[in-house]
Amino acid sequence: MVHEGLDPLTDDKLVELIEDKAGNDLQMIRINGSVVGGLAGILIYVLGMVLK
């Protein structure tokens, strides 16, 4: 059933469909990951300077 539903879609159409449905969520995950990673890096750097 799934194969029959996806068979008519080309690779480009499938990518477009996925990005349309999940694109905003994926972008928020990227932004949150960048912010959390940056803050963690700053915290590690500050702790490294303080504990020397």
N, C-alpha and C. Protein backbone atom coordinates (compact mmCIF):
# COMPACT_ATOMS: atom_id res chain seq x y z
N MET A 1 0.84 -1.19 0.00
CA MET A 1 0.00 0.00 0.00
C MET A 1 0.88 1.26 0.00
N VAL A 2 1.91 1.28 0.86
CA VAL A 2 2.80 2.44 0.91
C VAL A 2 3.57 2.55 -0.39
N HIS A 3 4.05 1.42 -0.90
CA HIS A 3 4.81 1.41 -2.14
C HIS A 3 3.96 1.99 -3.28
N GLU A 4 2.71 1.61 -3.35
CA GLU A 4 1.82 2.11 -4.40
C GLU A 4 1.58 3.61 -4.26
N GLY A 5 1.56 4.11 -3.02
CA GLY A 5 1.35 5.54 -2.81
C GLY A 5 2.58 6.37 -3.15
N LEU A 6 3.76 5.82 -2.91
CA LEU A 6 5.00 6.56 -3.16
C LEU A 6 5.56 6.34 -4.56
N ASP A 7 5.15 5.29 -5.23
CA ASP A 7 5.70 4.94 -6.53
C ASP A 7 5.56 6.05 -7.57
N PRO A 8 4.43 6.76 -7.64
CA PRO A 8 4.32 7.80 -8.68
C PRO A 8 5.16 9.05 -8.40
N LEU A 9 5.71 9.18 -7.19
CA LEU A 9 6.47 10.38 -6.86
C LEU A 9 7.92 10.25 -7.31
N THR A 10 8.42 11.32 -7.94
CA THR A 10 9.83 11.36 -8.28
C THR A 10 10.61 11.75 -7.03
N ASP A 11 11.93 11.64 -7.10
CA ASP A 11 12.76 12.03 -5.94
C ASP A 11 12.55 13.49 -5.58
N ASP A 12 12.49 14.35 -6.58
CA ASP A 12 12.31 15.78 -6.33
C ASP A 12 10.95 16.06 -5.68
N LYS A 13 9.91 15.41 -6.17
CA LYS A 13 8.58 15.60 -5.59
C LYS A 13 8.51 15.08 -4.16
N LEU A 14 9.19 13.96 -3.90
CA LEU A 14 9.21 13.39 -2.55
C LEU A 14 9.93 14.32 -1.58
N VAL A 15 11.06 14.87 -2.00
CA VAL A 15 11.79 15.82 -1.16
C VAL A 15 10.94 17.05 -0.90
N GLU A 16 10.28 17.54 -1.93
CA GLU A 16 9.41 18.72 -1.78
C GLU A 16 8.27 18.44 -0.81
N LEU A 17 7.67 17.27 -0.90
CA LEU A 17 6.58 16.88 -0.01
C LEU A 17 7.05 16.82 1.45
N ILE A 18 8.20 16.19 1.67
CA ILE A 18 8.74 16.07 3.04
C ILE A 18 9.09 17.44 3.59
N GLU A 19 9.75 18.28 2.80
CA GLU A 19 10.11 19.61 3.27
C GLU A 19 8.88 20.45 3.55
N ASP A 20 7.84 20.27 2.75
CA ASP A 20 6.61 21.03 2.96
C ASP A 20 5.94 20.63 4.28
N LYS A 21 5.97 19.34 4.60
CA LYS A 21 5.30 18.85 5.81
C LYS A 21 6.14 19.05 7.06
N ALA A 22 7.47 18.89 6.97
CA ALA A 22 8.31 18.90 8.16
C ALA A 22 9.36 20.00 8.14
N GLY A 23 9.38 20.82 7.13
CA GLY A 23 10.42 21.84 6.97
C GLY A 23 10.53 22.80 8.13
N ASN A 24 9.41 23.32 8.61
CA ASN A 24 9.44 24.29 9.70
C ASN A 24 9.95 23.65 10.99
N ASP A 25 9.52 22.44 11.25
CA ASP A 25 9.98 21.74 12.46
C ASP A 25 11.48 21.47 12.39
N LEU A 26 11.96 21.05 11.22
CA LEU A 26 13.39 20.78 11.07
C LEU A 26 14.21 22.06 11.24
N GLN A 27 13.69 23.16 10.74
CA GLN A 27 14.40 24.44 10.88
C GLN A 27 14.47 24.85 12.35
N MET A 28 13.41 24.65 13.10
CA MET A 28 13.44 24.98 14.52
C MET A 28 14.41 24.08 15.28
N ILE A 29 14.49 22.82 14.90
CA ILE A 29 15.46 21.91 15.52
C ILE A 29 16.88 22.39 15.24
N ARG A 30 17.14 22.83 14.03
CA ARG A 30 18.48 23.35 13.69
C ARG A 30 18.80 24.59 14.52
N ILE A 31 17.85 25.51 14.62
CA ILE A 31 18.07 26.74 15.38
C ILE A 31 18.30 26.43 16.85
N ASN A 32 17.44 25.59 17.43
CA ASN A 32 17.59 25.23 18.84
C ASN A 32 18.91 24.52 19.08
N GLY A 33 19.33 23.65 18.18
CA GLY A 33 20.60 22.97 18.32
C GLY A 33 21.77 23.93 18.28
N SER A 34 21.69 24.93 17.43
CA SER A 34 22.76 25.93 17.35
C SER A 34 22.83 26.75 18.63
N VAL A 35 21.69 27.16 19.14
CA VAL A 35 21.65 27.97 20.35
C VAL A 35 22.16 27.16 21.55
N VAL A 36 21.65 25.96 21.73
CA VAL A 36 22.06 25.12 22.86
C VAL A 36 23.55 24.76 22.74
N GLY A 37 23.99 24.44 21.55
CA GLY A 37 25.40 24.12 21.34
C GLY A 37 26.30 25.30 21.64
N GLY A 38 25.89 26.48 21.21
CA GLY A 38 26.67 27.69 21.50
C GLY A 38 26.74 27.97 22.98
N LEU A 39 25.61 27.87 23.66
CA LEU A 39 25.60 28.11 25.11
C LEU A 39 26.43 27.06 25.85
N ALA A 40 26.36 25.82 25.43
CA ALA A 40 27.16 24.77 26.07
C ALA A 40 28.65 25.04 25.85
N GLY A 41 29.02 25.48 24.66
CA GLY A 41 30.42 25.81 24.38
C GLY A 41 30.91 26.96 25.24
N ILE A 42 30.09 27.98 25.39
CA ILE A 42 30.46 29.12 26.25
C ILE A 42 30.61 28.67 27.69
N LEU A 43 29.70 27.85 28.18
CA LEU A 43 29.75 27.35 29.55
C LEU A 43 31.02 26.52 29.77
N ILE A 44 31.34 25.65 28.84
CA ILE A 44 32.55 24.84 28.96
C ILE A 44 33.79 25.72 28.96
N TYR A 45 33.82 26.71 28.11
CA TYR A 45 34.96 27.63 28.05
C TYR A 45 35.12 28.39 29.37
N VAL A 46 34.02 28.94 29.89
CA VAL A 46 34.06 29.71 31.14
C VAL A 46 34.48 28.81 32.29
N LEU A 47 33.92 27.61 32.37
CA LEU A 47 34.32 26.69 33.44
C LEU A 47 35.80 26.31 33.33
N GLY A 48 36.28 26.15 32.12
CA GLY A 48 37.69 25.85 31.92
C GLY A 48 38.58 26.99 32.36
N MET A 49 38.16 28.22 32.15
CA MET A 49 38.94 29.37 32.59
C MET A 49 38.90 29.53 34.10
N VAL A 50 37.76 29.26 34.71
CA VAL A 50 37.60 29.43 36.15
C VAL A 50 38.37 28.34 36.93
N LEU A 51 38.38 27.13 36.40
CA LEU A 51 38.99 26.01 37.13
C LEU A 51 40.50 25.89 36.92
N LYS A 52 41.10 26.76 36.14
CA LYS A 52 42.56 26.72 35.95
C LYS A 52 43.30 27.11 37.17
